[in-house]
């Protein structure tokens, strides 16, 4: 068991895959939070699932995974590996791996939510991606093997729990968002100090957004959703731009701005969830109708064949 948190294990793994280390340096970004969020948003806005609740499955599981990762990191507060090939100054604690946890949660949720291809094919692709992301964190010296193993287990456990609720007809995205919000609010008391504004804001925004949209009629016009969605993406880019200018975590650099950033994430996440309902107001606009006819939309779904 101790070998799972032994730096020598990282060395052994890296030496075994030395020729393809550059591949892992690129593939690790498949577990980046920004990419996972983008996947969840695209599915929620343009996915095939007939139920709004099922489309929200991926987003709610993803945000819950982020909150759990941040909370657990603070409890154990294990420092990252200190190896020759480990990145200098990489923030946060090592246990569990947020990349592995998030990848397992999001790609696992996609496997049970999407309809493209067979379930077996989707499961194989998801397994390969999750394995590559987990391996990359060890190869790059960012996590111990035990960190990624536990991260994957927690992520898949979240998906399994959500799937059981769905099968029993008790799945409520709002409850998942509220759970994530509670964990995120506890995180600073558990010892976590980074990405708090993003985690708390996203979880709270998800809970608020779902409450506002749960029983409302949603647009079936992909063009209307896309048109309003551009506004939300610009807002998210602006928030991340400020974060990048100030530092990797604005809350740790300038505490007085943490509430501003947090509010920004609340608004953007709530906007993402309510957008299909808001799009009803513009779906009959001549410009939107023209876009709907010009682009490969079948209702709100994007037709890959077209």
Protein backbone atom coordinates (compact mmCIF):
# COMPACT_ATOMS: atom_id res chain seq x y z
CA UNK A 1 0.00 0.00 0.00
CA UNK A 2 2.83 2.40 0.85
CA UNK A 3 4.16 2.04 -2.69
CA UNK A 4 1.08 3.84 -3.97
CA UNK A 5 2.40 7.00 -2.28
CA UNK A 6 6.10 6.44 -2.96
CA UNK A 7 7.97 8.78 -5.30
CA UNK A 8 9.95 5.82 -6.59
CA UNK A 9 6.72 4.47 -8.07
CA UNK A 10 6.45 7.64 -10.16
CA UNK A 11 9.99 7.14 -11.38
CA UNK A 12 9.31 3.53 -12.37
CA UNK A 13 6.14 4.48 -14.27
CA UNK A 14 7.82 7.39 -16.06
CA UNK A 15 10.81 5.30 -17.11
CA UNK A 16 8.44 2.65 -18.50
CA UNK A 17 6.79 5.17 -20.82
CA UNK A 18 9.72 7.54 -21.40
CA UNK A 19 9.43 7.55 -25.22
CA UNK A 20 5.81 8.77 -25.09
CA UNK A 21 6.06 11.32 -22.26
CA UNK A 22 5.23 14.16 -24.73
CA UNK A 23 1.95 12.37 -25.48
CA UNK A 24 1.02 12.36 -21.79
CA UNK A 25 1.94 16.05 -21.51
CA UNK A 26 -0.79 16.78 -24.05
CA UNK A 27 -3.28 14.09 -23.02
CA UNK A 28 -3.38 15.28 -19.41
CA UNK A 29 -5.45 18.26 -20.59
CA UNK A 30 -8.34 15.87 -21.29
CA UNK A 31 -8.91 16.13 -17.55
CA UNK A 32 -8.69 19.93 -17.35
CA UNK A 33 -11.68 21.52 -15.67
CA UNK A 34 -12.28 23.96 -18.53
CA UNK A 35 -12.58 21.15 -21.09
CA UNK A 36 -14.84 19.05 -18.84
CA UNK A 37 -17.10 22.06 -18.27
CA UNK A 38 -17.26 22.76 -22.01
CA UNK A 39 -18.29 19.16 -22.72
CA UNK A 40 -21.01 19.27 -20.08
CA UNK A 41 -22.36 22.60 -21.35
CA UNK A 42 -22.47 21.50 -24.99
CA UNK A 43 -24.35 18.33 -24.08
CA UNK A 44 -26.77 20.27 -21.89
CA UNK A 45 -27.52 22.81 -24.61
CA UNK A 46 -27.49 20.59 -27.69
CA UNK A 47 -27.72 17.01 -26.38
CA UNK A 48 -30.11 14.37 -27.67
CA UNK A 49 -31.59 13.35 -24.33
CA UNK A 50 -35.31 14.22 -24.26
CA UNK A 51 -35.31 15.21 -20.59
CA UNK A 52 -33.82 18.44 -19.29
CA UNK A 53 -33.04 16.57 -16.09
CA UNK A 54 -30.96 13.96 -17.90
CA UNK A 55 -29.01 16.63 -19.76
CA UNK A 56 -28.20 18.30 -16.42
CA UNK A 57 -26.82 14.98 -15.13
CA UNK A 58 -23.30 15.56 -16.47
CA UNK A 59 -23.02 19.15 -15.21
CA UNK A 60 -24.28 18.33 -11.71
CA UNK A 61 -22.00 15.30 -11.36
CA UNK A 62 -19.04 17.30 -12.66
CA UNK A 63 -19.52 20.15 -10.19
CA UNK A 64 -20.03 17.68 -7.32
CA UNK A 65 -16.76 15.99 -8.32
CA UNK A 66 -14.93 19.34 -8.20
CA UNK A 67 -16.35 20.15 -4.76
CA UNK A 68 -15.39 16.73 -3.36
CA UNK A 69 -11.87 16.99 -4.75
CA UNK A 70 -11.32 20.41 -3.17
CA UNK A 71 -12.83 19.34 0.15
CA UNK A 72 -10.90 16.09 0.47
CA UNK A 73 -7.62 17.77 -0.46
CA UNK A 74 -7.99 20.09 2.52
CA UNK A 75 -8.68 17.24 4.94
CA UNK A 76 -5.55 15.27 4.11
CA UNK A 77 -3.31 18.18 2.99
CA UNK A 78 -0.75 15.85 1.42
CA UNK A 79 2.06 17.66 -0.44
CA UNK A 80 2.67 16.82 -4.07
CA UNK A 81 5.59 14.64 -5.17
CA UNK A 82 8.93 16.44 -5.28
CA UNK A 83 10.72 14.92 -8.24
CA UNK A 84 13.18 16.18 -10.82
CA UNK A 85 10.44 16.12 -13.46
CA UNK A 86 7.67 17.54 -11.24
CA UNK A 87 6.50 21.05 -12.25
CA UNK A 88 7.81 23.73 -9.90
CA UNK A 89 5.23 25.63 -7.88
CA UNK A 90 2.18 23.62 -8.99
CA UNK A 91 -0.60 24.66 -6.56
CA UNK A 92 -2.76 22.57 -4.28
CA UNK A 93 -2.43 19.28 -2.50
CA UNK A 94 -1.90 15.91 -4.09
CA UNK A 95 -4.70 13.72 -2.66
CA UNK A 96 -6.92 12.94 -4.42
CA UNK A 97 -6.16 13.82 -8.03
CA UNK A 98 -8.81 16.31 -9.16
CA UNK A 99 -7.99 15.57 -12.81
CA UNK A 100 -8.54 11.84 -12.33
CA UNK A 101 -11.66 12.37 -10.22
CA UNK A 102 -13.17 14.88 -12.65
CA UNK A 103 -12.34 12.81 -15.72
CA UNK A 104 -13.89 9.68 -14.20
CA UNK A 105 -17.02 11.59 -13.16
CA UNK A 106 -17.60 13.49 -16.41
CA UNK A 107 -16.59 10.84 -18.95
CA UNK A 108 -18.38 8.21 -16.88
CA UNK A 109 -21.53 10.37 -16.84
CA UNK A 110 -21.23 10.88 -20.59
CA UNK A 111 -21.07 7.11 -21.06
CA UNK A 112 -24.45 6.57 -19.42
CA UNK A 113 -26.03 9.74 -20.82
CA UNK A 114 -25.10 9.86 -24.51
CA UNK A 115 -26.81 7.82 -27.19
CA UNK A 116 -24.14 7.95 -29.87
CA UNK A 117 -22.82 4.46 -30.65
CA UNK A 118 -23.29 1.46 -28.39
CA UNK A 119 -22.88 1.53 -24.64
CA UNK A 120 -19.91 -0.82 -24.90
CA UNK A 121 -18.14 1.47 -27.36
CA UNK A 122 -18.77 4.55 -25.21
CA UNK A 123 -17.54 2.68 -22.12
CA UNK A 124 -14.35 1.60 -23.90
CA UNK A 125 -13.59 5.13 -25.07
CA UNK A 126 -14.31 6.61 -21.63
CA UNK A 127 -12.15 3.98 -19.93
CA UNK A 128 -9.24 4.75 -22.26
CA UNK A 129 -9.50 8.51 -21.67
CA UNK A 130 -9.79 8.14 -17.89
CA UNK A 131 -6.80 5.76 -17.82
CA UNK A 132 -4.66 8.10 -19.92
CA UNK A 133 -5.52 11.14 -17.78
CA UNK A 134 -4.79 9.22 -14.57
CA UNK A 135 -1.51 7.85 -15.95
CA UNK A 136 -0.44 11.29 -17.17
CA UNK A 137 -0.66 12.77 -13.66
CA UNK A 138 1.75 10.12 -12.39
CA UNK A 139 4.08 10.36 -15.38
CA UNK A 140 4.33 14.14 -15.03
CA UNK A 141 5.10 13.90 -11.32
CA UNK A 142 1.96 15.76 -10.25
CA UNK A 143 0.37 12.92 -8.26
CA UNK A 144 1.25 9.61 -6.70
CA UNK A 145 -0.37 6.45 -8.13
CA UNK A 146 -2.60 6.23 -5.06
CA UNK A 147 -3.94 9.74 -5.70
CA UNK A 148 -5.23 8.89 -9.15
CA UNK A 149 -6.59 5.47 -8.16
CA UNK A 150 -8.66 7.00 -5.35
CA UNK A 151 -9.69 9.90 -7.60
CA UNK A 152 -11.01 7.56 -10.29
CA UNK A 153 -12.83 5.47 -7.70
CA UNK A 154 -14.60 8.50 -6.22
CA UNK A 155 -15.51 9.85 -9.65
CA UNK A 156 -17.01 6.58 -10.83
CA UNK A 157 -18.72 6.20 -7.46
CA UNK A 158 -20.49 9.52 -8.03
CA UNK A 159 -21.70 8.37 -11.42
CA UNK A 160 -22.91 5.06 -9.99
CA UNK A 161 -24.81 6.84 -7.22
CA UNK A 162 -26.43 9.26 -9.65
CA UNK A 163 -27.32 6.39 -11.97
CA UNK A 164 -29.03 4.51 -9.13
CA UNK A 165 -31.12 7.57 -8.34
CA UNK A 166 -32.06 7.90 -12.00
CA UNK A 167 -33.17 4.29 -12.23
CA UNK A 168 -35.30 4.71 -9.13
CA UNK A 169 -36.81 7.92 -10.48
CA UNK A 170 -35.41 9.94 -7.58
CA UNK A 171 -32.65 11.82 -9.40
CA UNK A 172 -32.85 15.57 -8.81
CA UNK A 173 -30.02 17.69 -10.25
CA UNK A 174 -30.93 20.38 -7.74
CA UNK A 175 -30.06 18.08 -4.84
CA UNK A 176 -26.67 17.30 -6.40
CA UNK A 177 -25.97 21.02 -6.82
CA UNK A 178 -26.98 21.68 -3.20
CA UNK A 179 -24.72 18.84 -2.04
CA UNK A 180 -21.84 20.33 -4.03
CA UNK A 181 -22.54 23.77 -2.56
CA UNK A 182 -22.49 22.40 1.00
CA UNK A 183 -19.19 20.58 0.41
CA UNK A 184 -17.67 23.66 -1.24
CA UNK A 185 -18.70 25.90 1.66
CA UNK A 186 -17.12 23.45 4.10
CA UNK A 187 -13.90 23.21 2.09
CA UNK A 188 -12.15 26.26 3.61
CA UNK A 189 -12.87 24.95 7.12
CA UNK A 190 -11.38 21.61 6.05
CA UNK A 191 -8.13 23.29 5.03
CA UNK A 192 -8.62 23.99 1.33
CA UNK A 193 -7.42 27.34 0.06
CA UNK A 194 -7.41 27.35 -3.76
CA UNK A 195 -10.16 27.36 -6.39
CA UNK A 196 -12.70 28.06 -3.63
CA UNK A 197 -14.45 30.94 -5.37
CA UNK A 198 -14.83 28.90 -8.56
CA UNK A 199 -16.12 25.83 -6.72
CA UNK A 200 -18.54 27.65 -4.42
CA UNK A 201 -19.77 29.94 -7.19
CA UNK A 202 -20.31 27.15 -9.72
CA UNK A 203 -22.13 24.91 -7.23
CA UNK A 204 -24.37 27.71 -5.94
CA UNK A 205 -25.02 28.93 -9.47
CA UNK A 206 -26.01 25.43 -10.49
CA UNK A 207 -28.49 25.16 -7.61
CA UNK A 208 -29.99 28.57 -8.38
CA UNK A 209 -30.09 27.98 -12.12
CA UNK A 210 -31.76 24.59 -11.81
CA UNK A 211 -34.36 25.98 -9.40
CA UNK A 212 -35.24 28.67 -11.95
CA UNK A 213 -35.43 26.37 -14.97
CA UNK A 214 -36.68 23.02 -13.63
CA UNK A 215 -40.37 23.53 -14.44
CA UNK A 216 -40.13 26.00 -17.31
CA UNK A 217 -40.62 25.40 -21.02
CA UNK A 218 -37.33 25.20 -22.90
CA UNK A 219 -36.51 26.17 -26.45
CA UNK A 220 -36.13 23.51 -29.12
CA UNK A 221 -34.24 25.93 -31.38
CA UNK A 222 -30.54 25.19 -31.49
CA UNK A 223 -29.90 28.57 -33.11
CA UNK A 224 -31.64 30.44 -30.28
CA UNK A 225 -29.60 28.57 -27.68
CA UNK A 226 -26.38 29.13 -29.60
CA UNK A 227 -27.04 32.85 -30.02
CA UNK A 228 -27.62 33.45 -26.32
CA UNK A 229 -24.86 31.01 -25.40
CA UNK A 230 -22.22 33.18 -27.03
CA UNK A 231 -22.99 35.82 -24.42
CA UNK A 232 -22.41 33.37 -21.58
CA UNK A 233 -19.13 32.16 -23.07
CA UNK A 234 -17.90 35.75 -23.33
CA UNK A 235 -18.78 36.22 -19.66
CA UNK A 236 -16.86 33.10 -18.66
CA UNK A 237 -13.86 34.18 -20.75
CA UNK A 238 -13.89 37.56 -19.00
CA UNK A 239 -13.84 35.94 -15.55
CA UNK A 240 -11.00 33.63 -16.47
CA UNK A 241 -9.15 36.56 -18.03
CA UNK A 242 -9.25 38.49 -14.77
CA UNK A 243 -8.11 35.40 -12.87
CA UNK A 244 -5.18 34.95 -15.24
CA UNK A 245 -4.12 38.59 -14.98
CA UNK A 246 -4.23 38.67 -11.18
CA UNK A 247 -2.78 35.21 -10.64
CA UNK A 248 -3.64 31.52 -10.71
CA UNK A 249 -6.13 32.01 -7.87
CA UNK A 250 -7.55 35.48 -7.46
CA UNK A 251 -8.80 34.71 -3.95
CA UNK A 252 -5.30 33.98 -2.69
CA UNK A 253 -3.82 37.02 -4.43
CA UNK A 254 -6.41 39.67 -3.52
CA UNK A 255 -8.88 38.41 -0.89
CA UNK A 256 -11.12 41.45 -1.37
CA UNK A 257 -11.99 40.32 -4.89
CA UNK A 258 -12.99 36.76 -3.99
CA UNK A 259 -16.66 37.67 -3.67
CA UNK A 260 -16.61 39.38 -7.06
CA UNK A 261 -15.15 36.30 -8.74
CA UNK A 262 -17.51 34.01 -6.83
CA UNK A 263 -20.52 36.07 -7.91
CA UNK A 264 -19.29 35.88 -11.48
CA UNK A 265 -19.25 32.08 -11.37
CA UNK A 266 -22.71 32.06 -9.79
CA UNK A 267 -24.09 34.19 -12.61
CA UNK A 268 -22.35 32.31 -15.42
CA UNK A 269 -23.36 28.85 -14.14
CA UNK A 270 -26.94 29.94 -13.50
CA UNK A 271 -27.02 31.44 -16.99
CA UNK A 272 -25.80 28.17 -18.52
CA UNK A 273 -28.60 26.21 -16.86
CA UNK A 274 -31.38 28.71 -17.56
CA UNK A 275 -30.34 29.48 -21.13
CA UNK A 276 -32.59 26.86 -22.82
CA UNK A 277 -35.57 28.50 -21.11
CA UNK A 278 -34.37 32.04 -21.85
CA UNK A 279 -33.89 31.09 -25.51
CA UNK A 280 -37.67 30.74 -25.88
CA UNK A 281 -37.88 34.55 -26.00
CA UNK A 282 -35.69 34.85 -29.11
CA UNK A 283 -36.42 31.68 -31.07
CA UNK A 284 -38.90 33.47 -33.38
CA UNK A 285 -36.55 36.35 -34.18
CA UNK A 286 -35.91 36.50 -37.96
CA UNK A 287 -32.13 36.32 -37.53
CA UNK A 288 -32.41 33.27 -35.26
CA UNK A 289 -34.83 31.58 -37.66
CA UNK A 290 -32.39 32.21 -40.51
CA UNK A 291 -29.49 30.71 -38.52
CA UNK A 292 -31.62 27.70 -37.63
CA UNK A 293 -32.27 27.05 -41.31
CA UNK A 294 -28.68 27.66 -42.39
CA UNK A 295 -26.80 25.57 -39.83
CA UNK A 296 -27.14 21.78 -39.33
CA UNK A 297 -29.69 21.93 -36.51
CA UNK A 298 -32.43 19.34 -36.11
CA UNK A 299 -34.45 21.15 -33.49
CA UNK A 300 -31.94 21.91 -30.75
CA UNK A 301 -29.69 19.01 -31.73
CA UNK A 302 -26.64 19.46 -33.92
CA UNK A 303 -26.69 17.00 -36.82
CA UNK A 304 -23.19 15.63 -37.28
CA UNK A 305 -24.17 14.07 -40.60
CA UNK A 306 -25.22 17.44 -42.06
